Amino acid sequence: MKSGIRIAALFAAMSCLLSCSKEGTDIFKGNYSFKTSGNVGVEATFTSGEESSERSFDMQLATEQGQMDIISRSETEVLITMNVLGGDVYTAQAKVQDEVLVLEPYTRYVRLEFPDFGHKNMPVTISGTAERYGDSIIFTLAYSGEYDWEDEDRKLHAEINSSDVRTVARLN
């Protein structure tokens, strides 16, 4: 009789835990503090007059931090807003698939410095995924993009060929 009561109590406890767990977008929704850092690999072609050279760079991105809100749009879709401290505001859309947040690609500008050409605001397309660990979400991001610039006698063509970028968001 005691074992029957224990089994019933165990089933009741498990049912409560399963019914109380978050599913879909509820896993991610909330207000977070975030920080983004990483680097991109860039292949660049520099042209000055008749001379041309190709170079590869591993460029560190400026670290960004601020506030992030993840807002549920449906049972499987969210809107992510990122308000960078002292900077811009970005939005992205994502879908929840098997407890993983999958970002829909979006475009923004990233400031990169090229030798002899200075800082350039390069358009990049960002995609990636995120997973929740306790009160944190870790985003693994992929950056891609091309950039062309020229003045009277100089040209620059740059293309991102690799990236290693992470965002860590902690629930407020």
N, C-alpha and C. Protein backbone atom coordinates (compact mmCIF):
# COMPACT_ATOMS: atom_id res chain seq x y z
N MET A 1 0.82 -1.19 0.00
CA MET A 1 0.00 0.00 0.00
C MET A 1 0.86 1.26 0.00
N LYS A 2 1.95 1.21 0.83
CA LYS A 2 2.83 2.38 0.89
C LYS A 2 3.50 2.64 -0.46
N SER A 3 3.88 1.58 -1.18
CA SER A 3 4.53 1.77 -2.48
C SER A 3 3.54 2.37 -3.48
N GLY A 4 2.27 2.03 -3.40
CA GLY A 4 1.25 2.63 -4.26
C GLY A 4 1.09 4.12 -4.00
N ILE A 5 1.15 4.50 -2.73
CA ILE A 5 1.06 5.93 -2.38
C ILE A 5 2.29 6.67 -2.88
N ARG A 6 3.47 6.06 -2.75
CA ARG A 6 4.71 6.68 -3.21
C ARG A 6 4.67 6.88 -4.73
N ILE A 7 4.20 5.88 -5.45
CA ILE A 7 4.12 5.98 -6.91
C ILE A 7 3.14 7.08 -7.30
N ALA A 8 2.00 7.15 -6.65
CA ALA A 8 1.01 8.20 -6.94
C ALA A 8 1.59 9.58 -6.63
N ALA A 9 2.33 9.69 -5.52
CA ALA A 9 2.94 10.98 -5.16
C ALA A 9 4.00 11.37 -6.18
N LEU A 10 4.78 10.39 -6.65
CA LEU A 10 5.80 10.65 -7.65
C LEU A 10 5.16 11.14 -8.95
N PHE A 11 4.09 10.47 -9.40
CA PHE A 11 3.39 10.90 -10.60
C PHE A 11 2.80 12.30 -10.44
N ALA A 12 2.25 12.61 -9.28
CA ALA A 12 1.69 13.94 -9.02
C ALA A 12 2.78 15.00 -9.08
N ALA A 13 3.94 14.71 -8.49
CA ALA A 13 5.05 15.66 -8.50
C ALA A 13 5.57 15.88 -9.92
N MET A 14 5.71 14.80 -10.68
CA MET A 14 6.19 14.93 -12.06
C MET A 14 5.20 15.69 -12.92
N SER A 15 3.92 15.45 -12.73
CA SER A 15 2.90 16.17 -13.50
C SER A 15 2.96 17.66 -13.21
N CYS A 16 3.16 18.01 -11.95
CA CYS A 16 3.26 19.42 -11.58
C CYS A 16 4.49 20.05 -12.23
N LEU A 17 5.62 19.37 -12.19
CA LEU A 17 6.84 19.90 -12.80
C LEU A 17 6.69 20.08 -14.30
N LEU A 18 6.11 19.09 -14.96
CA LEU A 18 5.94 19.19 -16.40
C LEU A 18 4.94 20.26 -16.79
N SER A 19 3.89 20.44 -16.05
CA SER A 19 2.89 21.44 -16.39
C SER A 19 3.38 22.84 -16.05
N CYS A 20 4.34 22.95 -15.13
CA CYS A 20 4.86 24.25 -14.74
C CYS A 20 6.04 24.69 -15.59
N SER A 21 6.61 23.80 -16.42
CA SER A 21 7.77 24.17 -17.21
C SER A 21 7.34 25.04 -18.39
N LYS A 22 8.27 25.90 -18.81
CA LYS A 22 7.98 26.81 -19.90
C LYS A 22 8.17 26.11 -21.22
N GLU A 23 7.37 26.49 -22.20
CA GLU A 23 7.45 25.93 -23.53
C GLU A 23 7.40 27.04 -24.55
N GLY A 24 7.80 26.73 -25.78
CA GLY A 24 7.71 27.69 -26.87
C GLY A 24 8.47 28.96 -26.58
N THR A 25 7.84 30.08 -26.88
CA THR A 25 8.51 31.37 -26.70
C THR A 25 8.66 31.75 -25.23
N ASP A 26 7.87 31.14 -24.34
CA ASP A 26 7.97 31.46 -22.91
C ASP A 26 9.36 31.15 -22.35
N ILE A 27 10.09 30.23 -22.98
CA ILE A 27 11.43 29.89 -22.54
C ILE A 27 12.34 31.12 -22.62
N PHE A 28 12.13 31.97 -23.63
CA PHE A 28 13.05 33.06 -23.92
C PHE A 28 12.53 34.44 -23.54
N LYS A 29 11.23 34.61 -23.47
CA LYS A 29 10.69 35.96 -23.33
C LYS A 29 11.10 36.59 -22.00
N GLY A 30 11.37 37.92 -22.05
CA GLY A 30 11.77 38.65 -20.86
C GLY A 30 12.67 39.82 -21.19
N ASN A 31 13.14 40.48 -20.13
CA ASN A 31 14.03 41.64 -20.23
C ASN A 31 15.42 41.21 -19.76
N TYR A 32 16.43 41.49 -20.58
CA TYR A 32 17.79 41.02 -20.33
C TYR A 32 18.79 42.17 -20.43
N SER A 33 19.93 42.02 -19.77
CA SER A 33 21.11 42.83 -20.02
C SER A 33 21.99 41.98 -20.93
N PHE A 34 22.60 42.60 -21.96
CA PHE A 34 23.39 41.80 -22.89
C PHE A 34 24.75 42.43 -23.16
N LYS A 35 25.65 41.60 -23.65
CA LYS A 35 26.97 42.03 -24.08
C LYS A 35 27.35 41.20 -25.29
N THR A 36 27.83 41.87 -26.35
CA THR A 36 28.24 41.21 -27.58
C THR A 36 29.71 41.50 -27.85
N SER A 37 30.45 40.46 -28.21
CA SER A 37 31.85 40.65 -28.59
C SER A 37 32.25 39.55 -29.55
N GLY A 38 33.39 39.75 -30.21
CA GLY A 38 33.88 38.74 -31.13
C GLY A 38 34.74 39.36 -32.21
N ASN A 39 34.99 38.57 -33.25
CA ASN A 39 35.80 39.08 -34.35
C ASN A 39 35.31 38.51 -35.68
N VAL A 40 35.76 39.16 -36.75
CA VAL A 40 35.42 38.73 -38.10
C VAL A 40 36.70 38.61 -38.90
N GLY A 41 36.74 37.64 -39.80
CA GLY A 41 37.83 37.52 -40.75
C GLY A 41 37.42 38.22 -42.03
N VAL A 42 38.30 39.08 -42.55
CA VAL A 42 37.99 39.88 -43.73
C VAL A 42 39.08 39.70 -44.77
N GLU A 43 38.66 39.46 -46.01
CA GLU A 43 39.55 39.48 -47.17
C GLU A 43 39.34 40.83 -47.84
N ALA A 44 40.42 41.58 -48.05
CA ALA A 44 40.29 42.92 -48.62
C ALA A 44 41.21 43.08 -49.82
N THR A 45 40.71 43.78 -50.83
CA THR A 45 41.51 44.16 -51.99
C THR A 45 41.63 45.67 -51.99
N PHE A 46 42.87 46.16 -51.97
CA PHE A 46 43.16 47.59 -51.98
C PHE A 46 43.71 47.96 -53.34
N THR A 47 43.17 49.02 -53.93
CA THR A 47 43.66 49.50 -55.22
C THR A 47 43.97 50.98 -55.08
N SER A 48 45.18 51.34 -55.51
CA SER A 48 45.59 52.74 -55.52
C SER A 48 46.26 52.99 -56.87
N GLY A 49 45.60 53.78 -57.69
CA GLY A 49 46.11 53.99 -59.04
C GLY A 49 46.11 52.68 -59.80
N GLU A 50 47.30 52.27 -60.26
CA GLU A 50 47.44 51.01 -61.01
C GLU A 50 47.82 49.83 -60.13
N GLU A 51 48.16 50.10 -58.86
CA GLU A 51 48.61 49.04 -57.96
C GLU A 51 47.44 48.45 -57.18
N SER A 52 47.50 47.11 -57.01
CA SER A 52 46.44 46.41 -56.28
C SER A 52 47.08 45.38 -55.37
N SER A 53 46.53 45.21 -54.18
CA SER A 53 47.03 44.18 -53.27
C SER A 53 45.87 43.57 -52.50
N GLU A 54 46.04 42.31 -52.14
CA GLU A 54 45.03 41.61 -51.34
C GLU A 54 45.61 41.29 -49.99
N ARG A 55 44.78 41.46 -48.95
CA ARG A 55 45.22 41.17 -47.59
C ARG A 55 44.08 40.55 -46.80
N SER A 56 44.45 39.74 -45.82
CA SER A 56 43.48 39.13 -44.91
C SER A 56 43.65 39.75 -43.53
N PHE A 57 42.54 39.97 -42.87
CA PHE A 57 42.55 40.57 -41.54
C PHE A 57 41.66 39.79 -40.60
N ASP A 58 42.06 39.72 -39.34
CA ASP A 58 41.19 39.24 -38.27
C ASP A 58 40.87 40.47 -37.44
N MET A 59 39.65 40.97 -37.57
CA MET A 59 39.28 42.25 -36.95
C MET A 59 38.38 42.03 -35.75
N GLN A 60 38.76 42.64 -34.65
CA GLN A 60 37.94 42.55 -33.43
C GLN A 60 36.82 43.57 -33.52
N LEU A 61 35.61 43.13 -33.21
CA LEU A 61 34.45 44.02 -33.21
C LEU A 61 34.44 44.83 -31.92
N ALA A 62 33.91 46.03 -32.00
CA ALA A 62 33.72 46.83 -30.79
C ALA A 62 32.71 46.11 -29.89
N THR A 63 33.03 45.98 -28.61
CA THR A 63 32.11 45.34 -27.67
C THR A 63 30.89 46.23 -27.49
N GLU A 64 29.72 45.60 -27.51
CA GLU A 64 28.47 46.32 -27.29
C GLU A 64 27.76 45.72 -26.09
N GLN A 65 27.10 46.59 -25.34
CA GLN A 65 26.28 46.10 -24.23
C GLN A 65 25.06 46.99 -24.10
N GLY A 66 24.02 46.46 -23.45
CA GLY A 66 22.81 47.23 -23.29
C GLY A 66 21.67 46.36 -22.80
N GLN A 67 20.46 46.78 -23.17
CA GLN A 67 19.24 46.08 -22.76
C GLN A 67 18.62 45.36 -23.94
N MET A 68 18.12 44.17 -23.68
CA MET A 68 17.46 43.35 -24.70
C MET A 68 16.09 42.93 -24.18
N ASP A 69 15.10 43.05 -25.03
CA ASP A 69 13.77 42.54 -24.71
C ASP A 69 13.42 41.48 -25.74
N ILE A 70 12.91 40.36 -25.27
CA ILE A 70 12.41 39.32 -26.15
C ILE A 70 10.91 39.23 -25.91
N ILE A 71 10.17 39.55 -26.97
CA ILE A 71 8.72 39.69 -26.90
C ILE A 71 8.07 38.59 -27.74
N SER A 72 7.13 37.89 -27.17
CA SER A 72 6.43 36.82 -27.87
C SER A 72 5.48 37.41 -28.91
N ARG A 73 5.55 36.90 -30.15
CA ARG A 73 4.63 37.32 -31.21
C ARG A 73 3.60 36.24 -31.50
N SER A 74 3.97 35.00 -31.22
CA SER A 74 3.07 33.86 -31.36
C SER A 74 3.67 32.74 -30.51
N GLU A 75 3.15 31.54 -30.65
CA GLU A 75 3.68 30.43 -29.86
C GLU A 75 5.07 30.01 -30.30
N THR A 76 5.47 30.40 -31.52
CA THR A 76 6.78 29.99 -32.04
C THR A 76 7.65 31.15 -32.52
N GLU A 77 7.15 32.39 -32.48
CA GLU A 77 7.91 33.53 -33.00
C GLU A 77 8.08 34.61 -31.95
N VAL A 78 9.29 35.23 -31.96
CA VAL A 78 9.57 36.33 -31.04
C VAL A 78 10.15 37.51 -31.80
N LEU A 79 10.04 38.68 -31.19
CA LEU A 79 10.70 39.90 -31.64
C LEU A 79 11.76 40.23 -30.60
N ILE A 80 12.98 40.47 -31.05
CA ILE A 80 14.08 40.81 -30.16
C ILE A 80 14.44 42.27 -30.41
N THR A 81 14.46 43.07 -29.35
CA THR A 81 14.92 44.45 -29.45
C THR A 81 16.18 44.58 -28.62
N MET A 82 17.18 45.27 -29.18
CA MET A 82 18.45 45.49 -28.48
C MET A 82 18.74 46.98 -28.48
N ASN A 83 18.81 47.54 -27.29
CA ASN A 83 19.12 48.96 -27.11
C ASN A 83 20.55 49.04 -26.59
N VAL A 84 21.48 49.40 -27.50
CA VAL A 84 22.90 49.43 -27.16
C VAL A 84 23.17 50.69 -26.34
N LEU A 85 23.86 50.51 -25.22
CA LEU A 85 24.20 51.62 -24.34
C LEU A 85 25.00 52.67 -25.11
N GLY A 86 24.48 53.89 -25.16
CA GLY A 86 25.14 54.98 -25.86
C GLY A 86 25.18 54.79 -27.37
N GLY A 87 24.31 53.96 -27.91
CA GLY A 87 24.39 53.67 -29.34
C GLY A 87 23.04 53.48 -29.98
N ASP A 88 23.00 52.54 -30.88
CA ASP A 88 21.83 52.30 -31.72
C ASP A 88 20.85 51.32 -31.09
N VAL A 89 19.71 51.21 -31.75
CA VAL A 89 18.68 50.23 -31.39
C VAL A 89 18.51 49.30 -32.59
N TYR A 90 18.49 47.99 -32.32
CA TYR A 90 18.33 46.99 -33.37
C TYR A 90 17.14 46.10 -33.03
N THR A 91 16.54 45.57 -34.08
CA THR A 91 15.48 44.58 -33.87
C THR A 91 15.77 43.37 -34.75
N ALA A 92 15.33 42.22 -34.29
CA ALA A 92 15.47 40.98 -35.05
C ALA A 92 14.26 40.11 -34.75
N GLN A 93 13.98 39.22 -35.67
CA GLN A 93 12.91 38.26 -35.48
C GLN A 93 13.52 36.87 -35.39
N ALA A 94 12.88 36.01 -34.63
CA ALA A 94 13.40 34.65 -34.46
C ALA A 94 12.25 33.69 -34.26
N LYS A 95 12.55 32.41 -34.49
CA LYS A 95 11.59 31.34 -34.28
C LYS A 95 12.17 30.35 -33.27
N VAL A 96 11.29 29.79 -32.46
CA VAL A 96 11.71 28.77 -31.51
C VAL A 96 11.50 27.41 -32.16
N GLN A 97 12.60 26.64 -32.22
CA GLN A 97 12.55 25.29 -32.79
C GLN A 97 13.26 24.35 -31.81
N ASP A 98 12.51 23.46 -31.18
CA ASP A 98 13.08 22.49 -30.24
C ASP A 98 13.92 23.18 -29.15
N GLU A 99 13.37 24.19 -28.53
CA GLU A 99 14.00 24.94 -27.44
C GLU A 99 15.26 25.69 -27.86
N VAL A 100 15.42 25.93 -29.16
CA VAL A 100 16.51 26.74 -29.69
C VAL A 100 15.90 27.92 -30.42
N LEU A 101 16.45 29.09 -30.18
CA LEU A 101 16.00 30.30 -30.86
C LEU A 101 16.81 30.43 -32.15
N VAL A 102 16.12 30.49 -33.30
CA VAL A 102 16.78 30.59 -34.59
C VAL A 102 16.49 31.97 -35.16
N LEU A 103 17.54 32.79 -35.28
CA LEU A 103 17.38 34.16 -35.79
C LEU A 103 17.13 34.16 -37.28
N GLU A 104 16.19 34.99 -37.70
CA GLU A 104 16.03 35.25 -39.12
C GLU A 104 17.10 36.27 -39.49
N PRO A 105 17.80 36.09 -40.62
CA PRO A 105 18.88 37.02 -40.97
C PRO A 105 18.38 38.47 -41.01
N TYR A 106 19.20 39.35 -40.46
CA TYR A 106 18.92 40.78 -40.50
C TYR A 106 20.21 41.53 -40.78
N THR A 107 20.09 42.77 -41.27
CA THR A 107 21.26 43.55 -41.66
C THR A 107 21.42 44.76 -40.76
N ARG A 108 22.67 45.04 -40.42
CA ARG A 108 23.04 46.24 -39.69
C ARG A 108 24.43 46.66 -40.13
N TYR A 109 24.91 47.80 -39.65
CA TYR A 109 26.24 48.28 -40.00
C TYR A 109 27.20 48.06 -38.85
N VAL A 110 28.42 47.65 -39.19
CA VAL A 110 29.48 47.44 -38.22
C VAL A 110 30.67 48.30 -38.64
N ARG A 111 31.25 48.98 -37.68
CA ARG A 111 32.39 49.87 -37.95
C ARG A 111 33.69 49.07 -37.86
N LEU A 112 34.41 49.02 -39.00
CA LEU A 112 35.69 48.32 -39.07
C LEU A 112 36.77 49.29 -39.53
N GLU A 113 38.01 49.07 -39.08
CA GLU A 113 39.11 49.95 -39.47
C GLU A 113 40.05 49.23 -40.43
N PHE A 114 40.27 49.86 -41.60
CA PHE A 114 41.15 49.31 -42.62
C PHE A 114 42.40 50.17 -42.70
N PRO A 115 43.59 49.54 -42.73
CA PRO A 115 44.84 50.31 -42.82
C PRO A 115 44.83 51.22 -44.04
N ASP A 116 45.24 52.44 -43.86
CA ASP A 116 45.32 53.46 -44.92
C ASP A 116 43.97 53.91 -45.45
N PHE A 117 42.89 53.29 -45.02
CA PHE A 117 41.56 53.69 -45.47
C PHE A 117 40.69 54.17 -44.32
N GLY A 118 41.11 53.93 -43.10
CA GLY A 118 40.37 54.39 -41.92
C GLY A 118 39.16 53.54 -41.60
N HIS A 119 38.29 54.11 -40.77
CA HIS A 119 37.07 53.41 -40.35
C HIS A 119 36.03 53.44 -41.46
N LYS A 120 35.40 52.31 -41.67
CA LYS A 120 34.32 52.19 -42.65
C LYS A 120 33.14 51.48 -41.98
N ASN A 121 31.94 51.97 -42.26
CA ASN A 121 30.72 51.33 -41.76
C ASN A 121 30.27 50.29 -42.78
N MET A 122 30.52 49.04 -42.46
CA MET A 122 30.27 47.94 -43.39
C MET A 122 28.92 47.28 -43.09
N PRO A 123 28.08 47.12 -44.11
CA PRO A 123 26.81 46.40 -43.88
C PRO A 123 27.09 44.91 -43.68
N VAL A 124 26.50 44.34 -42.65
CA VAL A 124 26.67 42.91 -42.40
C VAL A 124 25.30 42.27 -42.21
N THR A 125 25.20 41.04 -42.65
CA THR A 125 24.00 40.25 -42.41
C THR A 125 24.31 39.32 -41.25
N ILE A 126 23.42 39.32 -40.27
CA ILE A 126 23.63 38.54 -39.05
C ILE A 126 22.58 37.44 -38.98
N SER A 127 23.03 36.24 -38.69
CA SER A 127 22.14 35.10 -38.46
C SER A 127 22.71 34.34 -37.27
N GLY A 128 21.99 33.34 -36.80
CA GLY A 128 22.53 32.56 -35.70
C GLY A 128 21.46 31.86 -34.90
N THR A 129 21.91 31.29 -33.78
CA THR A 129 21.02 30.57 -32.89
C THR A 129 21.32 30.98 -31.45
N ALA A 130 20.38 30.64 -30.56
CA ALA A 130 20.56 30.93 -29.13
C ALA A 130 19.93 29.83 -28.31
N GLU A 131 20.55 29.57 -27.16
CA GLU A 131 20.02 28.59 -26.23
C GLU A 131 20.00 29.19 -24.84
N ARG A 132 19.02 28.75 -24.06
CA ARG A 132 18.87 29.25 -22.69
C ARG A 132 19.55 28.30 -21.72
N TYR A 133 20.31 28.89 -20.79
CA TYR A 133 20.99 28.16 -19.72
C TYR A 133 20.66 28.88 -18.42
N GLY A 134 19.73 28.34 -17.64
CA GLY A 134 19.33 29.00 -16.40
C GLY A 134 18.72 30.36 -16.70
N ASP A 135 19.31 31.43 -16.13
CA ASP A 135 18.79 32.78 -16.38
C ASP A 135 19.58 33.51 -17.47
N SER A 136 20.34 32.76 -18.28
CA SER A 136 21.13 33.36 -19.36
C SER A 136 20.77 32.75 -20.70
N ILE A 137 20.95 33.54 -21.74
CA ILE A 137 20.80 33.08 -23.11
C ILE A 137 22.13 33.35 -23.81
N ILE A 138 22.65 32.35 -24.52
CA ILE A 138 23.89 32.52 -25.26
C ILE A 138 23.57 32.43 -26.75
N PHE A 139 23.87 33.53 -27.46
CA PHE A 139 23.68 33.61 -28.90
C PHE A 139 25.01 33.30 -29.59
N THR A 140 24.99 32.42 -30.57
CA THR A 140 26.14 32.16 -31.44
C THR A 140 25.78 32.77 -32.78
N LEU A 141 26.53 33.81 -33.18
CA LEU A 141 26.16 34.62 -34.33
C LEU A 141 27.12 34.42 -35.50
N ALA A 142 26.59 34.49 -36.70
CA ALA A 142 27.39 34.43 -37.93
C ALA A 142 27.22 35.76 -38.66
N TYR A 143 28.33 36.42 -38.98
CA TYR A 143 28.34 37.68 -39.71
C TYR A 143 28.83 37.41 -41.13
N SER A 144 28.18 38.04 -42.10
CA SER A 144 28.62 37.95 -43.49
C SER A 144 28.33 39.29 -44.17
N GLY A 145 29.06 39.57 -45.23
CA GLY A 145 28.80 40.80 -45.96
C GLY A 145 29.96 41.22 -46.83
N GLU A 146 29.67 42.16 -47.74
CA GLU A 146 30.66 42.74 -48.64
C GLU A 146 30.55 44.25 -48.58
N TYR A 147 31.66 44.90 -48.91
CA TYR A 147 31.70 46.36 -48.86
C TYR A 147 32.61 46.87 -49.97
N ASP A 148 32.15 47.90 -50.68
CA ASP A 148 32.96 48.56 -51.71
C ASP A 148 32.99 50.05 -51.41
N TRP A 149 34.19 50.62 -51.53
CA TRP A 149 34.38 52.04 -51.30
C TRP A 149 35.42 52.56 -52.29
N GLU A 150 35.24 53.78 -52.76
CA GLU A 150 36.26 54.39 -53.61
C GLU A 150 36.20 55.90 -53.54
N ASP A 151 37.37 56.51 -53.75
CA ASP A 151 37.44 57.95 -53.93
C ASP A 151 38.13 58.18 -55.28
N GLU A 152 38.75 59.32 -55.48
CA GLU A 152 39.30 59.65 -56.80
C GLU A 152 40.33 58.64 -57.32
N ASP A 153 41.21 58.16 -56.46
CA ASP A 153 42.26 57.26 -56.96
C ASP A 153 42.47 56.01 -56.11
N ARG A 154 41.60 55.75 -55.15
CA ARG A 154 41.74 54.56 -54.31
C ARG A 154 40.43 53.79 -54.26
N LYS A 155 40.55 52.46 -54.16
CA LYS A 155 39.38 51.59 -54.05
C LYS A 155 39.63 50.56 -52.97
N LEU A 156 38.54 50.17 -52.34
CA LEU A 156 38.59 49.11 -51.33
C LEU A 156 37.42 48.17 -51.59
N HIS A 157 37.71 46.88 -51.64
CA HIS A 157 36.66 45.85 -51.67
C HIS A 157 36.95 44.91 -50.51
N ALA A 158 35.98 44.72 -49.64
CA ALA A 158 36.16 43.87 -48.47
C ALA A 158 35.02 42.88 -48.38
N GLU A 159 35.35 41.66 -47.93
CA GLU A 159 34.34 40.61 -47.78
C GLU A 159 34.63 39.83 -46.49
N ILE A 160 33.59 39.67 -45.66
CA ILE A 160 33.73 38.87 -44.44
C ILE A 160 33.68 37.40 -44.85
N ASN A 161 34.74 36.66 -44.47
CA ASN A 161 34.78 35.24 -44.83
C ASN A 161 34.69 34.32 -43.62
N SER A 162 34.72 34.88 -42.41
CA SER A 162 34.55 34.07 -41.19
C SER A 162 34.13 34.99 -40.05
N SER A 163 33.55 34.39 -39.01
CA SER A 163 33.18 35.19 -37.85
C SER A 163 33.10 34.30 -36.62
N ASP A 164 33.37 34.91 -35.48
CA ASP A 164 33.25 34.25 -34.18
C ASP A 164 32.69 35.29 -33.23
N VAL A 165 31.37 35.37 -33.16
CA VAL A 165 30.70 36.41 -32.39
C VAL A 165 29.69 35.78 -31.44
N ARG A 166 29.68 36.25 -30.21
CA ARG A 166 28.76 35.75 -29.18
C ARG A 166 28.05 36.93 -28.52
N THR A 167 26.81 36.69 -28.15
CA THR A 167 26.07 37.59 -27.28
C THR A 167 25.64 36.77 -26.08
N VAL A 168 25.90 37.31 -24.90
CA VAL A 168 25.43 36.69 -23.67
C VAL A 168 24.41 37.64 -23.05
N ALA A 169 23.20 37.14 -22.81
CA ALA A 169 22.13 37.95 -22.23
C ALA A 169 21.73 37.33 -20.90
N ARG A 170 21.63 38.16 -19.87
CA ARG A 170 21.27 37.69 -18.53
C ARG A 170 19.94 38.33 -18.13
N LEU A 171 19.00 37.49 -17.68
CA LEU A 171 17.66 37.94 -17.30
C LEU A 171 17.75 38.95 -16.15
N ASN A 172 17.07 40.07 -16.32
CA ASN A 172 17.05 41.11 -15.27
C ASN A 172 16.04 40.75 -14.20
